[in-house]
Amino acid sequence: MADVNVGGYGDEQRSDVEVQALVDNNPEMRKAVQRATNGNDPGHMTSLTYRTQVVAGTNYIVKVLTENKEYFLLLIFQPLPYTKEQPTLTSLQVTSPIPTF
């Protein structure tokens, strides 16, 4: 059983279809990665692992691998469902390990 870190990020987990959908269904993610790679098309981005933090919604740190074999951490905020707002990309960094922001 994982240790509970109240207010902090949970343990790193393998990505699932819900997390992959956060990456796939938001053109903002692709554009940000493309800007970070000097305009190179990242191709398909595969979510590998993620961590979450519950706030007034959920913060996700998602480690993705592009078709160009580059690793990125995407900090995505998913608002609570009743707001009917779309997830937003809060931050992005080129990386290998998945740290806490």
C-alpha atoms as a PDB file:
ATOM      1  CA  MET A   1       0.000   0.000   0.000  1.00  0.00           C
ATOM      2  CA  ALA A   2       1.265   3.462  -0.911  1.00  0.00           C
ATOM      3  CA  ASP A   3       2.093   6.033   1.740  1.00  0.00           C
ATOM      4  CA  VAL A   4      -0.405   8.882   1.908  1.00  0.00           C
ATOM      5  CA  ASN A   5       1.107  12.330   1.398  1.00  0.00           C
ATOM      6  CA  VAL A   6      -1.742  14.656   2.367  1.00  0.00           C
ATOM      7  CA  GLY A   7      -1.773  17.663   0.031  1.00  0.00           C
ATOM      8  CA  GLY A   8       1.157  16.331  -1.987  1.00  0.00           C
ATOM      9  CA  TYR A   9       1.553  14.220  -5.075  1.00  0.00           C
ATOM     10  CA  GLY A  10       0.790  10.519  -4.984  1.00  0.00           C
ATOM     11  CA  ASP A  11       3.163   7.778  -6.053  1.00  0.00           C
ATOM     12  CA  GLU A  12       4.188   7.366  -9.683  1.00  0.00           C
ATOM     13  CA  GLN A  13       1.842   5.026 -11.555  1.00  0.00           C
ATOM     14  CA  ARG A  14       1.717   3.520 -15.021  1.00  0.00           C
ATOM     15  CA  SER A  15      -0.443   5.539 -17.381  1.00  0.00           C
ATOM     16  CA  ASP A  16      -3.886   4.310 -18.294  1.00  0.00           C
ATOM     17  CA  VAL A  17      -6.419   5.229 -20.984  1.00  0.00           C
ATOM     18  CA  GLU A  18      -7.739   8.185 -18.954  1.00  0.00           C
ATOM     19  CA  VAL A  19      -4.288   9.762 -18.687  1.00  0.00           C
ATOM     20  CA  GLN A  20      -3.510   9.044 -22.346  1.00  0.00           C
ATOM     21  CA  ALA A  21      -6.782  10.791 -23.258  1.00  0.00           C
ATOM     22  CA  LEU A  22      -5.626  13.919 -21.382  1.00  0.00           C
ATOM     23  CA  VAL A  23      -2.638  14.043 -23.733  1.00  0.00           C
ATOM     24  CA  ASP A  24      -4.428  12.956 -26.925  1.00  0.00           C
ATOM     25  CA  ASN A  25      -7.543  15.090 -26.662  1.00  0.00           C
ATOM     26  CA  ASN A  26      -5.909  18.453 -26.158  1.00  0.00           C
ATOM     27  CA  PRO A  27      -4.166  20.162 -29.105  1.00  0.00           C
ATOM     28  CA  GLU A  28      -2.573  22.570 -26.600  1.00  0.00           C
ATOM     29  CA  MET A  29      -0.279  19.737 -25.412  1.00  0.00           C
ATOM     30  CA  ARG A  30       1.008  18.989 -28.921  1.00  0.00           C
ATOM     31  CA  LYS A  31       1.583  22.681 -29.722  1.00  0.00           C
ATOM     32  CA  ALA A  32       3.533  23.221 -26.486  1.00  0.00           C
ATOM     33  CA  VAL A  33       5.788  20.212 -27.129  1.00  0.00           C
ATOM     34  CA  GLN A  34       6.292  21.374 -30.700  1.00  0.00           C
ATOM     35  CA  ARG A  35       7.359  24.833 -29.470  1.00  0.00           C
ATOM     36  CA  ALA A  36       9.745  23.223 -26.961  1.00  0.00           C
ATOM     37  CA  THR A  37      11.415  21.263 -29.765  1.00  0.00           C
ATOM     38  CA  ASN A  38      11.950  24.263 -32.067  1.00  0.00           C
ATOM     39  CA  GLY A  39       8.930  23.439 -34.214  1.00  0.00           C
ATOM     40  CA  ASN A  40       9.584  19.720 -34.661  1.00  0.00           C
ATOM     41  CA  ASP A  41       6.399  17.664 -34.869  1.00  0.00           C
ATOM     42  CA  PRO A  42       6.444  15.315 -31.850  1.00  0.00           C
ATOM     43  CA  GLY A  43       4.272  12.746 -33.622  1.00  0.00           C
ATOM     44  CA  HIS A  44       2.270  10.499 -31.329  1.00  0.00           C
ATOM     45  CA  MET A  45       2.951  11.184 -27.660  1.00  0.00           C
ATOM     46  CA  THR A  46       2.703   8.133 -25.439  1.00  0.00           C
ATOM     47  CA  SER A  47       1.992   8.697 -21.757  1.00  0.00           C
ATOM     48  CA  LEU A  48       4.236   6.428 -19.706  1.00  0.00           C
ATOM     49  CA  THR A  49       3.719   7.294 -16.059  1.00  0.00           C
ATOM     50  CA  TYR A  50       1.935   9.892 -13.978  1.00  0.00           C
ATOM     51  CA  ARG A  51       1.439  11.291 -10.500  1.00  0.00           C
ATOM     52  CA  THR A  52      -1.604  13.157  -9.217  1.00  0.00           C
ATOM     53  CA  GLN A  53      -2.393  15.801  -6.657  1.00  0.00           C
ATOM     54  CA  VAL A  54      -5.977  16.537  -5.677  1.00  0.00           C
ATOM     55  CA  VAL A  55      -6.688  20.261  -5.419  1.00  0.00           C
ATOM     56  CA  ALA A  56      -9.837  22.051  -6.641  1.00  0.00           C
ATOM     57  CA  GLY A  57      -9.597  19.532  -9.476  1.00  0.00           C
ATOM     58  CA  THR A  58      -6.595  17.328 -10.180  1.00  0.00           C
ATOM     59  CA  ASN A  59      -3.007  18.152 -11.103  1.00  0.00           C
ATOM     60  CA  TYR A  60      -1.317  15.487 -13.209  1.00  0.00           C
ATOM     61  CA  ILE A  61       2.404  15.216 -13.850  1.00  0.00           C
ATOM     62  CA  VAL A  62       2.540  13.033 -16.942  1.00  0.00           C
ATOM     63  CA  LYS A  63       5.756  11.648 -18.384  1.00  0.00           C
ATOM     64  CA  VAL A  64       5.411  11.298 -22.161  1.00  0.00           C
ATOM     65  CA  LEU A  65       7.615   9.853 -24.882  1.00  0.00           C
ATOM     66  CA  THR A  66       7.394  11.351 -28.369  1.00  0.00           C
ATOM     67  CA  GLU A  67       7.951   9.524 -31.636  1.00  0.00           C
ATOM     68  CA  ASN A  68      11.267  11.408 -31.767  1.00  0.00           C
ATOM     69  CA  LYS A  69      12.341   9.560 -28.588  1.00  0.00           C
ATOM     70  CA  GLU A  70      12.208  12.702 -26.448  1.00  0.00           C
ATOM     71  CA  TYR A  71      10.832  12.637 -22.910  1.00  0.00           C
ATOM     72  CA  PHE A  72       8.697  15.426 -21.478  1.00  0.00           C
ATOM     73  CA  LEU A  73       6.894  16.083 -18.245  1.00  0.00           C
ATOM     74  CA  LEU A  74       3.536  17.733 -18.731  1.00  0.00           C
ATOM     75  CA  LEU A  75       1.862  19.370 -15.753  1.00  0.00           C
ATOM     76  CA  ILE A  76      -1.842  19.210 -16.573  1.00  0.00           C
ATOM     77  CA  PHE A  77      -4.665  20.658 -14.489  1.00  0.00           C
ATOM     78  CA  GLN A  78      -8.025  18.943 -14.855  1.00  0.00           C
ATOM     79  CA  PRO A  79     -10.828  21.058 -13.350  1.00  0.00           C
ATOM     80  CA  LEU A  80     -13.705  19.525 -11.445  1.00  0.00           C
ATOM     81  CA  PRO A  81     -16.394  18.080 -13.769  1.00  0.00           C
ATOM     82  CA  TYR A  82     -19.136  20.540 -12.797  1.00  0.00           C
ATOM     83  CA  THR A  83     -17.085  23.442 -14.249  1.00  0.00           C
ATOM     84  CA  LYS A  84     -17.295  21.882 -17.739  1.00  0.00           C
ATOM     85  CA  GLU A  85     -13.830  23.344 -18.407  1.00  0.00           C
ATOM     86  CA  GLN A  86     -11.168  21.518 -20.422  1.00  0.00           C
ATOM     87  CA  PRO A  87      -7.855  20.335 -18.936  1.00  0.00           C
ATOM     88  CA  THR A  88      -5.044  22.851 -19.349  1.00  0.00           C
ATOM     89  CA  LEU A  89      -1.297  22.517 -19.676  1.00  0.00           C
ATOM     90  CA  THR A  90       0.296  24.403 -16.787  1.00  0.00           C
ATOM     91  CA  SER A  91       3.961  23.588 -17.388  1.00  0.00           C
ATOM     92  CA  LEU A  92       6.240  21.485 -19.551  1.00  0.00           C
ATOM     93  CA  GLN A  93       9.853  20.389 -19.262  1.00  0.00           C
ATOM     94  CA  VAL A  94      12.261  18.126 -21.110  1.00  0.00           C
ATOM     95  CA  THR A  95      13.324  15.341 -18.782  1.00  0.00           C
ATOM     96  CA  SER A  96      14.119  11.748 -18.092  1.00  0.00           C
ATOM     97  CA  PRO A  97      13.019  11.071 -14.484  1.00  0.00           C
ATOM     98  CA  ILE A  98       9.639  12.249 -13.145  1.00  0.00           C
ATOM     99  CA  PRO A  99      10.203  14.723 -10.302  1.00  0.00           C
ATOM    100  CA  THR A 100       7.702  16.872  -8.429  1.00  0.00           C
ATOM    101  CA  PHE A 101       7.263  20.422  -9.731  1.00  0.00           C
END
